Amino acid sequence: MSQINIKHFANLNNECLRGLEFYQHELGFMEKRLEEIATDNTGKEVAEEIEHFQNNFIIHRNYITELKHLLHVNDKTMERQLLGTGVFVTEDTANEHQEIYKDYLTEEKLFNDLRHEFNRFAAKWM
């Protein structure tokens, strides 16, 4: 089993965690705006859109929570391995980190797409 120098991962998990915190806050803002729209508009057309966004917000909130958990677990794994070697983590841990980072980038794109879609919707109904 090969080892990877920790320099390749410096601060990346923390950047991801900060990004996920930002997206959680954004979800809160969008949920409040959605509540305002739901209060002001009671038609069937808007109700279906509101449900669509509510469901997407729940999905993203749950996935953000899951990604944060995976990042924390990966951090702890790296920390344990660093205590043993000083500067190296295993290749498996490095690969896990890369997969989590790919998942983060995918979530970032999907979230931004949802945010743009929601902003168009909100502009129409507010």
N, C-alpha and C. Protein backbone atom coordinates (compact mmCIF):
# COMPACT_ATOMS: atom_id res chain seq x y z
N MET A 1 0.85 -1.17 0.00
CA MET A 1 0.00 0.00 0.00
C MET A 1 0.90 1.24 0.00
N SER A 2 0.71 2.14 -0.95
CA SER A 2 1.55 3.33 -1.02
C SER A 2 1.00 4.43 -0.12
N GLN A 3 1.84 5.42 0.14
CA GLN A 3 1.45 6.54 0.99
C GLN A 3 1.54 7.83 0.18
N ILE A 4 0.68 8.79 0.52
CA ILE A 4 0.60 10.07 -0.17
C ILE A 4 0.95 11.18 0.82
N ASN A 5 1.75 12.14 0.39
CA ASN A 5 2.11 13.26 1.25
C ASN A 5 0.89 14.14 1.49
N ILE A 6 0.70 14.56 2.73
CA ILE A 6 -0.48 15.33 3.12
C ILE A 6 -0.54 16.71 2.46
N LYS A 7 0.55 17.21 1.92
CA LYS A 7 0.56 18.52 1.27
C LYS A 7 -0.48 18.60 0.15
N HIS A 8 -0.82 17.45 -0.45
CA HIS A 8 -1.79 17.43 -1.54
C HIS A 8 -3.20 17.75 -1.07
N PHE A 9 -3.44 17.70 0.23
CA PHE A 9 -4.78 17.90 0.77
C PHE A 9 -4.90 19.13 1.67
N ALA A 10 -3.85 19.90 1.72
CA ALA A 10 -3.83 21.04 2.65
C ALA A 10 -5.03 21.95 2.41
N ASN A 11 -5.79 22.12 3.44
CA ASN A 11 -6.93 23.03 3.50
C ASN A 11 -8.11 22.69 2.59
N LEU A 12 -8.01 21.69 1.75
CA LEU A 12 -9.12 21.39 0.82
C LEU A 12 -10.38 20.99 1.57
N ASN A 13 -10.27 20.13 2.58
CA ASN A 13 -11.46 19.75 3.35
C ASN A 13 -12.08 20.97 4.02
N ASN A 14 -11.25 21.85 4.56
CA ASN A 14 -11.79 23.05 5.21
C ASN A 14 -12.50 23.96 4.22
N GLU A 15 -11.96 24.09 3.03
CA GLU A 15 -12.62 24.89 1.99
C GLU A 15 -13.98 24.29 1.64
N CYS A 16 -14.03 22.98 1.53
CA CYS A 16 -15.30 22.31 1.23
C CYS A 16 -16.30 22.53 2.37
N LEU A 17 -15.84 22.41 3.59
CA LEU A 17 -16.74 22.61 4.74
C LEU A 17 -17.28 24.04 4.77
N ARG A 18 -16.43 25.02 4.47
CA ARG A 18 -16.90 26.42 4.43
C ARG A 18 -17.92 26.59 3.32
N GLY A 19 -17.67 25.98 2.17
CA GLY A 19 -18.62 26.05 1.07
C GLY A 19 -19.95 25.43 1.44
N LEU A 20 -19.91 24.29 2.09
CA LEU A 20 -21.15 23.63 2.50
C LEU A 20 -21.92 24.44 3.53
N GLU A 21 -21.20 25.09 4.44
CA GLU A 21 -21.86 25.98 5.41
C GLU A 21 -22.56 27.12 4.68
N PHE A 22 -21.89 27.69 3.69
CA PHE A 22 -22.49 28.76 2.89
C PHE A 22 -23.78 28.27 2.22
N TYR A 23 -23.74 27.09 1.63
CA TYR A 23 -24.92 26.56 0.95
C TYR A 23 -26.05 26.28 1.93
N GLN A 24 -25.72 25.86 3.14
CA GLN A 24 -26.77 25.67 4.15
C GLN A 24 -27.44 27.00 4.47
N HIS A 25 -26.66 28.05 4.61
CA HIS A 25 -27.23 29.38 4.88
C HIS A 25 -28.08 29.85 3.70
N GLU A 26 -27.61 29.62 2.50
CA GLU A 26 -28.36 29.98 1.30
C GLU A 26 -29.71 29.25 1.27
N LEU A 27 -29.70 27.98 1.65
CA LEU A 27 -30.96 27.23 1.70
C LEU A 27 -31.94 27.89 2.66
N GLY A 28 -31.45 28.35 3.79
CA GLY A 28 -32.30 29.03 4.75
C GLY A 28 -32.94 30.28 4.15
N PHE A 29 -32.15 31.07 3.42
CA PHE A 29 -32.68 32.27 2.78
C PHE A 29 -33.72 31.91 1.72
N MET A 30 -33.42 30.90 0.92
CA MET A 30 -34.35 30.50 -0.13
C MET A 30 -35.64 29.95 0.46
N GLU A 31 -35.53 29.21 1.56
CA GLU A 31 -36.73 28.68 2.21
C GLU A 31 -37.63 29.81 2.72
N LYS A 32 -37.02 30.85 3.26
CA LYS A 32 -37.82 31.99 3.73
C LYS A 32 -38.51 32.68 2.57
N ARG A 33 -37.81 32.87 1.48
CA ARG A 33 -38.43 33.47 0.30
C ARG A 33 -39.54 32.60 -0.23
N LEU A 34 -39.33 31.29 -0.21
CA LEU A 34 -40.37 30.36 -0.68
C LEU A 34 -41.62 30.46 0.20
N GLU A 35 -41.43 30.60 1.51
CA GLU A 35 -42.57 30.76 2.42
C GLU A 35 -43.34 32.04 2.09
N GLU A 36 -42.62 33.12 1.79
CA GLU A 36 -43.27 34.38 1.41
C GLU A 36 -44.10 34.20 0.14
N ILE A 37 -43.52 33.52 -0.84
CA ILE A 37 -44.23 33.28 -2.10
C ILE A 37 -45.47 32.43 -1.85
N ALA A 38 -45.33 31.40 -1.02
CA ALA A 38 -46.46 30.51 -0.73
C ALA A 38 -47.58 31.27 -0.01
N THR A 39 -47.22 32.19 0.86
CA THR A 39 -48.21 32.98 1.58
C THR A 39 -48.96 33.92 0.65
N ASP A 40 -48.25 34.50 -0.30
CA ASP A 40 -48.84 35.50 -1.19
C ASP A 40 -49.54 34.91 -2.41
N ASN A 41 -49.26 33.66 -2.75
CA ASN A 41 -49.79 33.05 -3.97
C ASN A 41 -50.35 31.67 -3.64
N THR A 42 -51.62 31.48 -3.91
CA THR A 42 -52.26 30.22 -3.54
C THR A 42 -52.75 29.40 -4.73
N GLY A 43 -52.41 29.80 -5.94
CA GLY A 43 -52.86 29.08 -7.13
C GLY A 43 -52.20 27.73 -7.28
N LYS A 44 -52.84 26.87 -8.08
CA LYS A 44 -52.32 25.51 -8.29
C LYS A 44 -50.95 25.52 -8.97
N GLU A 45 -50.79 26.40 -9.96
CA GLU A 45 -49.52 26.46 -10.68
C GLU A 45 -48.35 26.76 -9.74
N VAL A 46 -48.54 27.75 -8.89
CA VAL A 46 -47.47 28.12 -7.97
C VAL A 46 -47.30 27.06 -6.88
N ALA A 47 -48.38 26.40 -6.48
CA ALA A 47 -48.30 25.36 -5.44
C ALA A 47 -47.42 24.19 -5.89
N GLU A 48 -47.53 23.81 -7.15
CA GLU A 48 -46.71 22.72 -7.66
C GLU A 48 -45.23 23.11 -7.68
N GLU A 49 -44.98 24.35 -8.06
CA GLU A 49 -43.59 24.83 -8.07
C GLU A 49 -43.03 24.91 -6.65
N ILE A 50 -43.86 25.36 -5.72
CA ILE A 50 -43.42 25.44 -4.32
C ILE A 50 -43.05 24.06 -3.80
N GLU A 51 -43.88 23.08 -4.10
CA GLU A 51 -43.58 21.71 -3.67
C GLU A 51 -42.29 21.20 -4.30
N HIS A 52 -42.10 21.52 -5.57
CA HIS A 52 -40.86 21.14 -6.27
C HIS A 52 -39.64 21.69 -5.53
N PHE A 53 -39.69 22.98 -5.19
CA PHE A 53 -38.55 23.58 -4.51
C PHE A 53 -38.40 23.07 -3.08
N GLN A 54 -39.51 22.86 -2.38
CA GLN A 54 -39.42 22.31 -1.03
C GLN A 54 -38.71 20.96 -1.05
N ASN A 55 -39.10 20.11 -1.98
CA ASN A 55 -38.47 18.78 -2.09
C ASN A 55 -36.99 18.89 -2.41
N ASN A 56 -36.65 19.78 -3.34
CA ASN A 56 -35.24 19.96 -3.69
C ASN A 56 -34.44 20.52 -2.53
N PHE A 57 -35.01 21.43 -1.78
CA PHE A 57 -34.31 21.99 -0.62
C PHE A 57 -34.03 20.90 0.41
N ILE A 58 -34.99 20.02 0.63
CA ILE A 58 -34.79 18.91 1.58
C ILE A 58 -33.67 17.99 1.10
N ILE A 59 -33.70 17.65 -0.18
CA ILE A 59 -32.67 16.78 -0.75
C ILE A 59 -31.29 17.40 -0.59
N HIS A 60 -31.16 18.67 -0.93
CA HIS A 60 -29.86 19.33 -0.84
C HIS A 60 -29.41 19.47 0.62
N ARG A 61 -30.33 19.82 1.51
CA ARG A 61 -29.96 19.95 2.93
C ARG A 61 -29.43 18.60 3.45
N ASN A 62 -30.12 17.52 3.13
CA ASN A 62 -29.67 16.19 3.58
C ASN A 62 -28.31 15.82 2.98
N TYR A 63 -28.11 16.12 1.70
CA TYR A 63 -26.85 15.76 1.06
C TYR A 63 -25.70 16.61 1.59
N ILE A 64 -25.97 17.88 1.86
CA ILE A 64 -24.94 18.74 2.44
C ILE A 64 -24.53 18.20 3.80
N THR A 65 -25.50 17.79 4.60
CA THR A 65 -25.21 17.21 5.91
C THR A 65 -24.35 15.94 5.76
N GLU A 66 -24.71 15.11 4.80
CA GLU A 66 -23.96 13.87 4.56
C GLU A 66 -22.52 14.18 4.12
N LEU A 67 -22.35 15.14 3.21
CA LEU A 67 -21.00 15.50 2.76
C LEU A 67 -20.16 16.05 3.91
N LYS A 68 -20.77 16.87 4.75
CA LYS A 68 -20.04 17.39 5.91
C LYS A 68 -19.57 16.26 6.81
N HIS A 69 -20.44 15.29 7.02
CA HIS A 69 -20.07 14.14 7.84
C HIS A 69 -18.90 13.37 7.21
N LEU A 70 -18.98 13.12 5.90
CA LEU A 70 -17.91 12.40 5.21
C LEU A 70 -16.58 13.16 5.30
N LEU A 71 -16.65 14.48 5.18
CA LEU A 71 -15.42 15.29 5.29
C LEU A 71 -14.82 15.19 6.69
N HIS A 72 -15.67 15.23 7.71
CA HIS A 72 -15.18 15.11 9.09
C HIS A 72 -14.55 13.73 9.33
N VAL A 73 -15.20 12.69 8.83
CA VAL A 73 -14.66 11.34 8.98
C VAL A 73 -13.31 11.23 8.27
N ASN A 74 -13.23 11.79 7.05
CA ASN A 74 -11.98 11.75 6.30
C ASN A 74 -10.89 12.52 7.03
N ASP A 75 -11.23 13.66 7.62
CA ASP A 75 -10.27 14.43 8.41
C ASP A 75 -9.73 13.61 9.58
N LYS A 76 -10.63 12.93 10.28
CA LYS A 76 -10.22 12.12 11.43
C LYS A 76 -9.32 10.96 10.99
N THR A 77 -9.65 10.36 9.87
CA THR A 77 -8.82 9.27 9.35
C THR A 77 -7.42 9.78 9.02
N MET A 78 -7.36 10.92 8.35
CA MET A 78 -6.05 11.51 8.02
C MET A 78 -5.28 11.84 9.28
N GLU A 79 -5.98 12.39 10.27
CA GLU A 79 -5.33 12.77 11.52
C GLU A 79 -4.71 11.55 12.20
N ARG A 80 -5.45 10.44 12.25
CA ARG A 80 -4.91 9.21 12.85
C ARG A 80 -3.68 8.71 12.09
N GLN A 81 -3.75 8.74 10.77
CA GLN A 81 -2.63 8.26 9.96
C GLN A 81 -1.42 9.19 10.10
N LEU A 82 -1.67 10.48 10.20
CA LEU A 82 -0.56 11.42 10.36
C LEU A 82 0.14 11.26 11.70
N LEU A 83 -0.63 10.92 12.72
CA LEU A 83 -0.01 10.68 14.03
C LEU A 83 0.97 9.52 13.96
N GLY A 84 0.70 8.55 13.10
CA GLY A 84 1.58 7.39 12.96
C GLY A 84 2.76 7.64 12.04
N THR A 85 2.58 8.43 10.99
CA THR A 85 3.65 8.59 10.00
C THR A 85 4.28 9.98 10.00
N GLY A 86 3.59 10.98 10.48
CA GLY A 86 4.13 12.33 10.47
C GLY A 86 3.66 13.17 9.29
N VAL A 87 3.76 12.64 8.06
CA VAL A 87 3.39 13.44 6.89
C VAL A 87 2.65 12.67 5.80
N PHE A 88 2.31 11.42 6.04
CA PHE A 88 1.71 10.62 4.98
C PHE A 88 0.36 10.05 5.39
N VAL A 89 -0.50 9.89 4.38
CA VAL A 89 -1.76 9.15 4.55
C VAL A 89 -1.75 8.02 3.52
N THR A 90 -2.58 7.03 3.73
CA THR A 90 -2.61 5.91 2.79
C THR A 90 -3.26 6.31 1.48
N GLU A 91 -2.98 5.54 0.47
CA GLU A 91 -3.57 5.79 -0.85
C GLU A 91 -5.09 5.66 -0.79
N ASP A 92 -5.59 4.71 0.00
CA ASP A 92 -7.04 4.55 0.15
C ASP A 92 -7.69 5.81 0.72
N THR A 93 -7.05 6.39 1.72
CA THR A 93 -7.57 7.62 2.32
C THR A 93 -7.52 8.76 1.33
N ALA A 94 -6.46 8.84 0.56
CA ALA A 94 -6.34 9.87 -0.47
C ALA A 94 -7.42 9.71 -1.53
N ASN A 95 -7.66 8.47 -1.95
CA ASN A 95 -8.70 8.22 -2.95
C ASN A 95 -10.09 8.57 -2.41
N GLU A 96 -10.31 8.24 -1.14
CA GLU A 96 -11.59 8.59 -0.50
C GLU A 96 -11.77 10.11 -0.50
N HIS A 97 -10.69 10.80 -0.17
CA HIS A 97 -10.72 12.27 -0.16
C HIS A 97 -11.08 12.81 -1.55
N GLN A 98 -10.47 12.25 -2.57
CA GLN A 98 -10.73 12.70 -3.95
C GLN A 98 -12.19 12.46 -4.33
N GLU A 99 -12.75 11.33 -3.94
CA GLU A 99 -14.16 11.03 -4.24
C GLU A 99 -15.09 12.00 -3.52
N ILE A 100 -14.79 12.29 -2.27
CA ILE A 100 -15.61 13.26 -1.53
C ILE A 100 -15.52 14.62 -2.20
N TYR A 101 -14.32 15.00 -2.63
CA TYR A 101 -14.15 16.30 -3.28
C TYR A 101 -14.94 16.35 -4.60
N LYS A 102 -14.92 15.26 -5.35
CA LYS A 102 -15.71 15.20 -6.60
C LYS A 102 -17.20 15.35 -6.28
N ASP A 103 -17.64 14.67 -5.23
CA ASP A 103 -19.04 14.78 -4.82
C ASP A 103 -19.37 16.22 -4.41
N TYR A 104 -18.43 16.87 -3.73
CA TYR A 104 -18.63 18.27 -3.34
C TYR A 104 -18.79 19.15 -4.58
N LEU A 105 -17.92 18.97 -5.57
CA LEU A 105 -18.00 19.78 -6.79
C LEU A 105 -19.32 19.54 -7.53
N THR A 106 -19.78 18.31 -7.53
CA THR A 106 -21.07 18.00 -8.16
C THR A 106 -22.20 18.68 -7.40
N GLU A 107 -22.17 18.60 -6.08
CA GLU A 107 -23.20 19.26 -5.27
C GLU A 107 -23.17 20.76 -5.48
N GLU A 108 -21.99 21.32 -5.56
CA GLU A 108 -21.85 22.76 -5.79
C GLU A 108 -22.53 23.17 -7.10
N LYS A 109 -22.30 22.41 -8.14
CA LYS A 109 -22.91 22.71 -9.44
C LYS A 109 -24.43 22.56 -9.38
N LEU A 110 -24.89 21.44 -8.83
CA LEU A 110 -26.33 21.20 -8.74
C LEU A 110 -27.02 22.25 -7.87
N PHE A 111 -26.37 22.64 -6.79
CA PHE A 111 -26.95 23.64 -5.91
C PHE A 111 -27.06 24.98 -6.63
N ASN A 112 -26.01 25.35 -7.32
CA ASN A 112 -26.03 26.63 -8.05
C ASN A 112 -27.08 26.62 -9.16
N ASP A 113 -27.25 25.49 -9.83
CA ASP A 113 -28.31 25.37 -10.83
C ASP A 113 -29.68 25.56 -10.17
N LEU A 114 -29.89 24.92 -9.02
CA LEU A 114 -31.15 25.07 -8.30
C LEU A 114 -31.36 26.51 -7.86
N ARG A 115 -30.32 27.14 -7.36
CA ARG A 115 -30.43 28.52 -6.91
C ARG A 115 -30.84 29.43 -8.06
N HIS A 116 -30.26 29.25 -9.23
CA HIS A 116 -30.62 30.07 -10.38
C HIS A 116 -32.07 29.80 -10.80
N GLU A 117 -32.46 28.54 -10.80
CA GLU A 117 -33.84 28.19 -11.13
C GLU A 117 -34.81 28.83 -10.13
N PHE A 118 -34.45 28.75 -8.85
CA PHE A 118 -35.32 29.33 -7.82
C PHE A 118 -35.40 30.85 -7.95
N ASN A 119 -34.29 31.49 -8.26
CA ASN A 119 -34.31 32.95 -8.40
C ASN A 119 -35.19 33.39 -9.56
N ARG A 120 -35.19 32.64 -10.64
CA ARG A 120 -36.10 32.94 -11.76
C ARG A 120 -37.55 32.78 -11.32
N PHE A 121 -37.84 31.70 -10.60
CA PHE A 121 -39.17 31.44 -10.07
C PHE A 121 -39.60 32.57 -9.12
N ALA A 122 -38.70 32.93 -8.20
CA ALA A 122 -39.02 33.96 -7.22
C ALA A 122 -39.28 35.31 -7.89
N ALA A 123 -38.50 35.63 -8.90
CA ALA A 123 -38.69 36.90 -9.61
C ALA A 123 -40.07 36.94 -10.27
N LYS A 124 -40.54 35.81 -10.71
CA LYS A 124 -41.85 35.74 -11.38
C LYS A 124 -43.00 35.91 -10.38
N TRP A 125 -42.85 35.35 -9.17
CA TRP A 125 -43.97 35.29 -8.24
C TRP A 125 -43.89 36.25 -7.06
N MET A 126 -42.81 36.96 -6.89
CA MET A 126 -42.72 37.90 -5.75
C MET A 126 -43.26 39.26 -6.13
